[in-house]
Amino acid sequence: MDERIQKVMDNLQRNRMKPFFAERRTELYHIISDLVKKDKLITSGGSMTLKESGVIDFLQKEFGDAYLDRSAGKTPEEVEEILHKAFVSDTFLASSNAITEDGELYNVDGKGNRVSAMIYGPKQVIIVAGVNKIVKDLAEAKERVEKIAAPKNTVRLNCDTPCAKTGECMHCRNSARICCSYVTLAHQRVPDRIKVILVNEELGY
């Protein structure tokens, strides 16, 4: 673990978010398993990090019906019902668009279900993030979203937005815009409700 990662972890702890470090994916799975092993309802937000790291597959295999996957919804109404159940879940898993060296989680959401669940509802929130998500400060976090995360996600989701074509945020007012809610999690009232697992890999956008 290098000094920068240690600094982030120390500051997460100061902000009352419990940090973990995984050198490899197998360690990541062990950490998650220990944190959710007694859970009756596990949910997750949309996340390329969770997919690329194999966490979604791991949850489906290891926890079966206890893990409620949003992809199980066959209709828009069913998907909405699953998204709402996240607020009463034992654990909600997601990633973060950026994590500052000061231990702040910066996220930009379209629908808002992901950031909402991070803020309030689930008994615990587990954030999985590759070291590529670490940035110096909130200004760099905003730049990361506008030049990396948002454009790549609009391409992935086939959104007809300017950034999908230009490769960077154009601050549009497009109906397909995915940057609607900007949330910075700087501190926690409930100590260790949010757990942040930093993985020593580049994962997600």
C-alpha atoms as a PDB file:
ATOM      1  CA  MET A   1       0.000   0.000   0.000  1.00  0.00           C
ATOM      2  CA  ASP A   2       1.497   3.333  -1.028  1.00  0.00           C
ATOM      3  CA  GLU A   3       1.395   6.552   0.978  1.00  0.00           C
ATOM      4  CA  ARG A   4      -1.430   8.062  -1.048  1.00  0.00           C
ATOM      5  CA  ILE A   5      -3.744   5.118  -0.414  1.00  0.00           C
ATOM      6  CA  GLN A   6      -2.836   5.160   3.274  1.00  0.00           C
ATOM      7  CA  LYS A   7      -3.649   8.880   3.417  1.00  0.00           C
ATOM      8  CA  VAL A   8      -7.064   8.269   1.868  1.00  0.00           C
ATOM      9  CA  MET A   9      -7.792   5.452   4.301  1.00  0.00           C
ATOM     10  CA  ASP A  10      -6.725   7.528   7.300  1.00  0.00           C
ATOM     11  CA  ASN A  11      -8.986  10.388   6.213  1.00  0.00           C
ATOM     12  CA  LEU A  12     -11.921   8.074   5.527  1.00  0.00           C
ATOM     13  CA  GLN A  13     -11.544   6.872   9.104  1.00  0.00           C
ATOM     14  CA  ARG A  14     -11.497  10.481  10.351  1.00  0.00           C
ATOM     15  CA  ASN A  15     -14.697  11.068   8.404  1.00  0.00           C
ATOM     16  CA  ARG A  16     -16.224   8.075  10.228  1.00  0.00           C
ATOM     17  CA  MET A  17     -16.233   5.784   7.181  1.00  0.00           C
ATOM     18  CA  LYS A  18     -14.537   2.432   7.701  1.00  0.00           C
ATOM     19  CA  PRO A  19     -11.757   1.776   5.166  1.00  0.00           C
ATOM     20  CA  PHE A  20     -10.493  -1.548   3.845  1.00  0.00           C
ATOM     21  CA  PHE A  21      -7.755  -2.383   1.358  1.00  0.00           C
ATOM     22  CA  ALA A  22      -7.751  -5.347  -1.035  1.00  0.00           C
ATOM     23  CA  GLU A  23      -4.571  -6.114  -2.931  1.00  0.00           C
ATOM     24  CA  ARG A  24      -6.485  -8.501  -5.192  1.00  0.00           C
ATOM     25  CA  ARG A  25     -10.047  -9.561  -5.965  1.00  0.00           C
ATOM     26  CA  THR A  26      -9.998 -12.674  -3.815  1.00  0.00           C
ATOM     27  CA  GLU A  27      -9.331 -10.458  -0.803  1.00  0.00           C
ATOM     28  CA  LEU A  28     -12.202  -8.211  -1.893  1.00  0.00           C
ATOM     29  CA  TYR A  29     -14.625 -11.146  -1.880  1.00  0.00           C
ATOM     30  CA  HIS A  30     -13.502 -12.223   1.594  1.00  0.00           C
ATOM     31  CA  ILE A  31     -14.054  -8.720   2.977  1.00  0.00           C
ATOM     32  CA  ILE A  32     -17.530  -8.453   1.458  1.00  0.00           C
ATOM     33  CA  SER A  33     -18.452 -11.934   2.651  1.00  0.00           C
ATOM     34  CA  ASP A  34     -17.507 -11.082   6.235  1.00  0.00           C
ATOM     35  CA  LEU A  35     -19.507  -7.848   6.117  1.00  0.00           C
ATOM     36  CA  VAL A  36     -22.733  -9.273   4.660  1.00  0.00           C
ATOM     37  CA  LYS A  37     -22.764 -12.903   5.879  1.00  0.00           C
ATOM     38  CA  LYS A  38     -25.718 -12.349   8.241  1.00  0.00           C
ATOM     39  CA  ASP A  39     -27.747 -10.182   5.860  1.00  0.00           C
ATOM     40  CA  LYS A  40     -31.229 -11.134   4.727  1.00  0.00           C
ATOM     41  CA  LEU A  41     -31.459  -8.500   1.994  1.00  0.00           C
ATOM     42  CA  ILE A  42     -28.512  -7.293  -0.088  1.00  0.00           C
ATOM     43  CA  THR A  43     -28.939  -4.782  -2.930  1.00  0.00           C
ATOM     44  CA  SER A  44     -26.692  -2.791  -5.224  1.00  0.00           C
ATOM     45  CA  GLY A  45     -26.617   0.277  -7.429  1.00  0.00           C
ATOM     46  CA  GLY A  46     -25.594   0.381 -11.051  1.00  0.00           C
ATOM     47  CA  SER A  47     -21.821  -0.005 -11.187  1.00  0.00           C
ATOM     48  CA  MET A  48     -19.255  -1.052 -13.768  1.00  0.00           C
ATOM     49  CA  THR A  49     -16.822  -1.525 -10.885  1.00  0.00           C
ATOM     50  CA  LEU A  50     -19.025  -4.172  -9.279  1.00  0.00           C
ATOM     51  CA  LYS A  51     -19.370  -5.937 -12.635  1.00  0.00           C
ATOM     52  CA  GLU A  52     -15.694  -5.760 -13.639  1.00  0.00           C
ATOM     53  CA  SER A  53     -14.489  -6.884 -10.219  1.00  0.00           C
ATOM     54  CA  GLY A  54     -16.798  -9.900 -10.256  1.00  0.00           C
ATOM     55  CA  VAL A  55     -18.676  -8.736  -7.158  1.00  0.00           C
ATOM     56  CA  ILE A  56     -22.111  -9.083  -8.811  1.00  0.00           C
ATOM     57  CA  ASP A  57     -21.368 -12.673  -9.846  1.00  0.00           C
ATOM     58  CA  PHE A  58     -19.967 -13.386  -6.381  1.00  0.00           C
ATOM     59  CA  LEU A  59     -23.091 -12.094  -4.649  1.00  0.00           C
ATOM     60  CA  GLN A  60     -25.389 -14.079  -6.924  1.00  0.00           C
ATOM     61  CA  LYS A  61     -23.411 -17.270  -6.371  1.00  0.00           C
ATOM     62  CA  GLU A  62     -22.710 -16.980  -2.647  1.00  0.00           C
ATOM     63  CA  PHE A  63     -25.887 -15.365  -1.323  1.00  0.00           C
ATOM     64  CA  GLY A  64     -28.598 -16.490  -3.726  1.00  0.00           C
ATOM     65  CA  ASP A  65     -32.024 -15.054  -2.929  1.00  0.00           C
ATOM     66  CA  ALA A  66     -30.588 -12.750  -0.250  1.00  0.00           C
ATOM     67  CA  TYR A  67     -29.120 -10.688  -3.086  1.00  0.00           C
ATOM     68  CA  LEU A  68     -31.785  -8.782  -4.999  1.00  0.00           C
ATOM     69  CA  ASP A  69     -30.385  -7.829  -8.391  1.00  0.00           C
ATOM     70  CA  ARG A  70     -32.012  -4.937 -10.223  1.00  0.00           C
ATOM     71  CA  SER A  71     -31.677  -6.925 -13.469  1.00  0.00           C
ATOM     72  CA  ALA A  72     -34.303  -9.330 -12.100  1.00  0.00           C
ATOM     73  CA  GLY A  73     -36.968  -6.763 -12.955  1.00  0.00           C
ATOM     74  CA  LYS A  74     -38.799  -7.699 -16.153  1.00  0.00           C
ATOM     75  CA  THR A  75     -40.762  -4.470 -16.481  1.00  0.00           C
ATOM     76  CA  PRO A  76     -40.035  -0.826 -15.589  1.00  0.00           C
ATOM     77  CA  GLU A  77     -42.446  -1.191 -12.669  1.00  0.00           C
ATOM     78  CA  GLU A  78     -40.611  -4.247 -11.332  1.00  0.00           C
ATOM     79  CA  VAL A  79     -37.257  -2.484 -11.640  1.00  0.00           C
ATOM     80  CA  GLU A  80     -38.635   0.489  -9.694  1.00  0.00           C
ATOM     81  CA  GLU A  81     -39.875  -1.829  -6.962  1.00  0.00           C
ATOM     82  CA  ILE A  82     -36.423  -3.408  -6.660  1.00  0.00           C
ATOM     83  CA  LEU A  83     -34.740   0.009  -6.532  1.00  0.00           C
ATOM     84  CA  HIS A  84     -37.037   1.080  -3.702  1.00  0.00           C
ATOM     85  CA  LYS A  85     -36.237  -2.050  -1.700  1.00  0.00           C
ATOM     86  CA  ALA A  86     -32.653  -0.838  -1.460  1.00  0.00           C
ATOM     87  CA  PHE A  87     -33.785   1.650   1.186  1.00  0.00           C
ATOM     88  CA  VAL A  88     -34.791  -1.137   3.578  1.00  0.00           C
ATOM     89  CA  SER A  89     -31.904  -3.471   2.760  1.00  0.00           C
ATOM     90  CA  ASP A  90     -29.309  -4.681   5.225  1.00  0.00           C
ATOM     91  CA  THR A  91     -26.511  -3.824   2.804  1.00  0.00           C
ATOM     92  CA  PHE A  92     -26.325  -1.653  -0.296  1.00  0.00           C
ATOM     93  CA  LEU A  93     -23.262  -1.984  -2.537  1.00  0.00           C
ATOM     94  CA  ALA A  94     -22.076   0.566  -5.057  1.00  0.00           C
ATOM     95  CA  SER A  95     -18.976   2.327  -6.272  1.00  0.00           C
ATOM     96  CA  SER A  96     -18.019   5.984  -6.145  1.00  0.00           C
ATOM     97  CA  ASN A  97     -17.229   8.244  -9.078  1.00  0.00           C
ATOM     98  CA  ALA A  98     -14.275   9.658  -7.148  1.00  0.00           C
ATOM     99  CA  ILE A  99     -12.672   9.544  -3.709  1.00  0.00           C
ATOM    100  CA  THR A 100     -10.599  12.514  -2.597  1.00  0.00           C
ATOM    101  CA  GLU A 101      -7.381  12.334  -0.639  1.00  0.00           C
ATOM    102  CA  ASP A 102      -9.332  13.999   2.189  1.00  0.00           C
ATOM    103  CA  GLY A 103     -11.590  10.952   2.369  1.00  0.00           C
ATOM    104  CA  GLU A 104     -14.662  12.421   0.662  1.00  0.00           C
ATOM    105  CA  LEU A 105     -16.902  10.431  -1.688  1.00  0.00           C
ATOM    106  CA  TYR A 106     -17.998  12.383  -4.768  1.00  0.00           C
ATOM    107  CA  ASN A 107     -20.861  11.053  -6.882  1.00  0.00           C
ATOM    108  CA  VAL A 108     -23.016  12.271  -9.744  1.00  0.00           C
ATOM    109  CA  ASP A 109     -26.262  10.431 -10.478  1.00  0.00           C
ATOM    110  CA  GLY A 110     -28.977  10.509 -13.080  1.00  0.00           C
ATOM    111  CA  LYS A 111     -31.979   8.849 -11.443  1.00  0.00           C
ATOM    112  CA  GLY A 112     -30.670   9.470  -7.933  1.00  0.00           C
ATOM    113  CA  ASN A 113     -31.368   6.035  -6.437  1.00  0.00           C
ATOM    114  CA  ARG A 114     -27.668   5.277  -5.930  1.00  0.00           C
ATOM    115  CA  VAL A 115     -26.742   8.472  -4.096  1.00  0.00           C
ATOM    116  CA  SER A 116     -29.994   8.414  -2.132  1.00  0.00           C
ATOM    117  CA  ALA A 117     -29.216   4.969  -0.731  1.00  0.00           C
ATOM    118  CA  MET A 118     -25.696   6.044   0.124  1.00  0.00           C
ATOM    119  CA  ILE A 119     -27.062   8.932   2.171  1.00  0.00           C
ATOM    120  CA  TYR A 120     -29.890   7.216   4.024  1.00  0.00           C
ATOM    121  CA  GLY A 121     -31.809   3.952   4.284  1.00  0.00           C
ATOM    122  CA  PRO A 122     -29.705   0.785   4.132  1.00  0.00           C
ATOM    123  CA  LYS A 123     -28.210  -0.363   7.424  1.00  0.00           C
ATOM    124  CA  GLN A 124     -24.764  -0.407   5.836  1.00  0.00           C
ATOM    125  CA  VAL A 125     -23.293   0.793   2.562  1.00  0.00           C
ATOM    126  CA  ILE A 126     -20.266  -0.862   0.982  1.00  0.00           C
ATOM    127  CA  ILE A 127     -18.367   1.178  -1.584  1.00  0.00           C
ATOM    128  CA  VAL A 128     -15.986  -0.765  -3.828  1.00  0.00           C
ATOM    129  CA  ALA A 129     -13.508   1.391  -5.745  1.00  0.00           C
ATOM    130  CA  GLY A 130     -10.365   0.826  -7.738  1.00  0.00           C
ATOM    131  CA  VAL A 131      -7.364   3.027  -7.008  1.00  0.00           C
ATOM    132  CA  ASN A 132      -8.069   4.846 -10.294  1.00  0.00           C
ATOM    133  CA  LYS A 133     -10.953   6.584  -8.498  1.00  0.00           C
ATOM    134  CA  ILE A 134      -8.621   8.409  -6.095  1.00  0.00           C
ATOM    135  CA  VAL A 135      -8.261  12.134  -6.830  1.00  0.00           C
ATOM    136  CA  LYS A 136      -6.575  15.061  -5.108  1.00  0.00           C
ATOM    137  CA  ASP A 137      -9.643  17.133  -4.238  1.00  0.00           C
ATOM    138  CA  LEU A 138     -13.244  17.909  -5.163  1.00  0.00           C
ATOM    139  CA  ALA A 139     -12.200  20.011  -8.153  1.00  0.00           C
ATOM    140  CA  GLU A 140     -10.334  17.025  -9.578  1.00  0.00           C
ATOM    141  CA  ALA A 141     -13.279  14.789  -8.691  1.00  0.00           C
ATOM    142  CA  LYS A 142     -15.615  17.001 -10.729  1.00  0.00           C
ATOM    143  CA  GLU A 143     -13.168  16.981 -13.631  1.00  0.00           C
ATOM    144  CA  ARG A 144     -12.935  13.186 -13.452  1.00  0.00           C
ATOM    145  CA  VAL A 145     -16.691  12.844 -13.777  1.00  0.00           C
ATOM    146  CA  GLU A 146     -16.941  15.330 -16.635  1.00  0.00           C
ATOM    147  CA  LYS A 147     -14.055  13.922 -18.682  1.00  0.00           C
ATOM    148  CA  ILE A 148     -14.109  10.212 -17.823  1.00  0.00           C
ATOM    149  CA  ALA A 149     -17.082   8.781 -15.938  1.00  0.00           C
ATOM    150  CA  ALA A 150     -20.024  10.587 -17.516  1.00  0.00           C
ATOM    151  CA  PRO A 151     -18.951  10.370 -21.182  1.00  0.00           C
ATOM    152  CA  LYS A 152     -18.091   6.664 -20.898  1.00  0.00           C
ATOM    153  CA  ASN A 153     -21.362   5.875 -19.175  1.00  0.00           C
ATOM    154  CA  THR A 154     -23.434   7.721 -21.773  1.00  0.00           C
ATOM    155  CA  VAL A 155     -21.749   5.685 -24.504  1.00  0.00           C
ATOM    156  CA  ARG A 156     -22.330   2.459 -22.568  1.00  0.00           C
ATOM    157  CA  LEU A 157     -25.990   3.322 -21.984  1.00  0.00           C
ATOM    158  CA  ASN A 158     -26.534   4.579 -25.559  1.00  0.00           C
ATOM    159  CA  CYS A 159     -27.584   8.008 -24.331  1.00  0.00           C
ATOM    160  CA  ASP A 160     -28.035  10.632 -27.015  1.00  0.00           C
ATOM    161  CA  THR A 161     -26.108  13.339 -25.182  1.00  0.00           C
ATOM    162  CA  PRO A 162     -23.388  15.731 -26.386  1.00  0.00           C
ATOM    163  CA  CYS A 163     -20.737  14.155 -24.119  1.00  0.00           C
ATOM    164  CA  ALA A 164     -21.273  10.779 -25.781  1.00  0.00           C
ATOM    165  CA  LYS A 165     -19.996  12.384 -28.969  1.00  0.00           C
ATOM    166  CA  THR A 166     -17.411  14.871 -27.678  1.00  0.00           C
ATOM    167  CA  GLY A 167     -15.945  12.749 -24.871  1.00  0.00           C
ATOM    168  CA  GLU A 168     -16.429  15.406 -22.208  1.00  0.00           C
ATOM    169  CA  CYS A 169     -19.250  17.172 -20.406  1.00  0.00           C
ATOM    170  CA  MET A 170     -20.903  19.974 -22.363  1.00  0.00           C
ATOM    171  CA  HIS A 171     -23.164  21.020 -19.455  1.00  0.00           C
ATOM    172  CA  CYS A 172     -26.181  20.174 -21.557  1.00  0.00           C
ATOM    173  CA  ARG A 173     -29.895  20.333 -20.761  1.00  0.00           C
ATOM    174  CA  ASN A 174     -30.574  17.196 -22.766  1.00  0.00           C
ATOM    175  CA  SER A 175     -33.488  14.989 -21.694  1.00  0.00           C
ATOM    176  CA  ALA A 176     -31.116  11.986 -21.674  1.00  0.00           C
ATOM    177  CA  ARG A 177     -28.642  13.718 -19.346  1.00  0.00           C
ATOM    178  CA  ILE A 178     -27.260  11.387 -16.658  1.00  0.00           C
ATOM    179  CA  CYS A 179     -25.662  14.106 -14.507  1.00  0.00           C
ATOM    180  CA  CYS A 180     -28.588  15.330 -12.412  1.00  0.00           C
ATOM    181  CA  SER A 181     -27.680  14.972  -8.726  1.00  0.00           C
ATOM    182  CA  TYR A 182     -24.262  15.979  -7.381  1.00  0.00           C
ATOM    183  CA  VAL A 183     -23.487  14.572  -3.936  1.00  0.00           C
ATOM    184  CA  THR A 184     -20.420  14.822  -1.709  1.00  0.00           C
ATOM    185  CA  LEU A 185     -20.296  12.514   1.296  1.00  0.00           C
ATOM    186  CA  ALA A 186     -17.868  14.288   3.593  1.00  0.00           C
ATOM    187  CA  HIS A 187     -18.712  12.854   7.008  1.00  0.00           C
ATOM    188  CA  GLN A 188     -21.002  10.308   8.641  1.00  0.00           C
ATOM    189  CA  ARG A 189     -23.330  10.758  11.595  1.00  0.00           C
ATOM    190  CA  VAL A 190     -23.423   6.981  12.082  1.00  0.00           C
ATOM    191  CA  PRO A 191     -19.829   5.761  12.485  1.00  0.00           C
ATOM    192  CA  ASP A 192     -18.774   3.026  10.042  1.00  0.00           C
ATOM    193  CA  ARG A 193     -22.190   2.762   8.360  1.00  0.00           C
ATOM    194  CA  ILE A 194     -20.305   3.361   5.123  1.00  0.00           C
ATOM    195  CA  LYS A 195     -17.466   0.970   4.413  1.00  0.00           C
ATOM    196  CA  VAL A 196     -15.033   1.781   1.605  1.00  0.00           C
ATOM    197  CA  ILE A 197     -13.014  -1.037   0.055  1.00  0.00           C
ATOM    198  CA  LEU A 198     -10.116   0.238  -2.050  1.00  0.00           C
ATOM    199  CA  VAL A 199      -8.922  -2.352  -4.530  1.00  0.00           C
ATOM    200  CA  ASN A 200      -5.392  -2.152  -5.908  1.00  0.00           C
ATOM    201  CA  GLU A 201      -6.640  -2.297  -9.499  1.00  0.00           C
ATOM    202  CA  GLU A 202      -8.150   0.016 -12.079  1.00  0.00           C
ATOM    203  CA  LEU A 203     -11.877  -0.710 -12.052  1.00  0.00           C
ATOM    204  CA  GLY A 204     -14.859   0.977 -13.659  1.00  0.00           C
ATOM    205  CA  TYR A 205     -15.178   4.539 -14.866  1.00  0.00           C
END
